[in-house]
Amino acid sequence: MEARVLLAILLTILPWASAFAAIRAGLQDFSPGHLTLLRFLVASGVLLLYAWGVRMPLPEPRDWPRLLGLGFLGITVYHTALNFGQVSVKAGPAALLIAVGPVFVALLSYFFLGERLSGWGWAGIGLAFTGVALIALGNHPGHVAIEPGALLILLAALTTSLYFVFQRPLARKYNPLFFTAYTIWAGTLPLLLFWPGLPAALRAASPQAFWSGVYLGVVPGALAYLTWNYALSRAPASKVSSFLYLSPVLATLIAYLWLGEVPGRLALVGGGLALAGVMMVNILGRVSLKGP
């Protein structure tokens, strides 16, 4: 793999991993809804500048309803649920819970797209959800209890999986970066309706919380997609996507260095099981269907 591609992957994975700690920092002064809105107003503005610079065309009118639906799932619901979940769930465990998204994708593809799973795939799904249960029970060191915020983060993982499964026809039709911009804009519109009062929240927020929200919008929310799509254009998707397994590990390390957060042992064991299950599903779980 070329050095430039590896650099692009690094410049994607690090920002995406750091987003979990940045959310926790932003939540010190912002409500989960206002932090989501701030993040995607900033991201939308950055992508508008990009769209103007490259003369990005508008999507076909017949695709607008589907783009609005995908934006609602992949941006509005996903990030709102994630932010509400991270009020009580630390950054590292949150990243581990989001990492089970590919398991939901495999299940949804099985039920809605007719894709088959091998025995290894079903075993991986069971292992992943065992790990999820341990994370939900062991989010706080020295204290074992079911964490309701973990259920919200699982909802976020499910909605982003729905987004990835049902985006396929449109994602093939449009340039990947254009498609990302369309869905981010579509997902930001409902946030404007759901979370009024952002100006007052901005006046009351500390500089750290404000800049955490801006960082979330500019770097993980917009620029990382540029580097991700560059990497995907220069290397096989399977190889590029394999680096995503590093994200929860990096997220845990960044949260420790930035916020001093230390996940509980049970959460770490559960995270290891969840990642192992996800890898089983992705590497051994899919059944190839031969045909014309």
Foldseek 3Di string as FASTA:
>chain_A
DDPLLVVLLVLQLLLVLQLLLLLVQLVVQDPQLLLLLLQLVLLLVVVVVVCVVVVPDDDDPVCLVVLLVLLQLQRVLLSSLLSVLSVPAHSLLLLLLLVLLLLLLVVCCVVPVVFAWDPLLVVLNVLQVVLLQLLQQFRDAPGGDGRPSSVSSNSSSNSNSVSVNVCVVVCVVDPVLSSLSSSSVSNSVVSCVPDPDSVVSVVRDDPSSSVSSSSSNPRNNHVSVVSLSVSVVPDPPVVSCVCNLCSSVSSQVSSCVPPVDDTYPSNVVSSVSNSSSSCSNVPPITDDDDDD
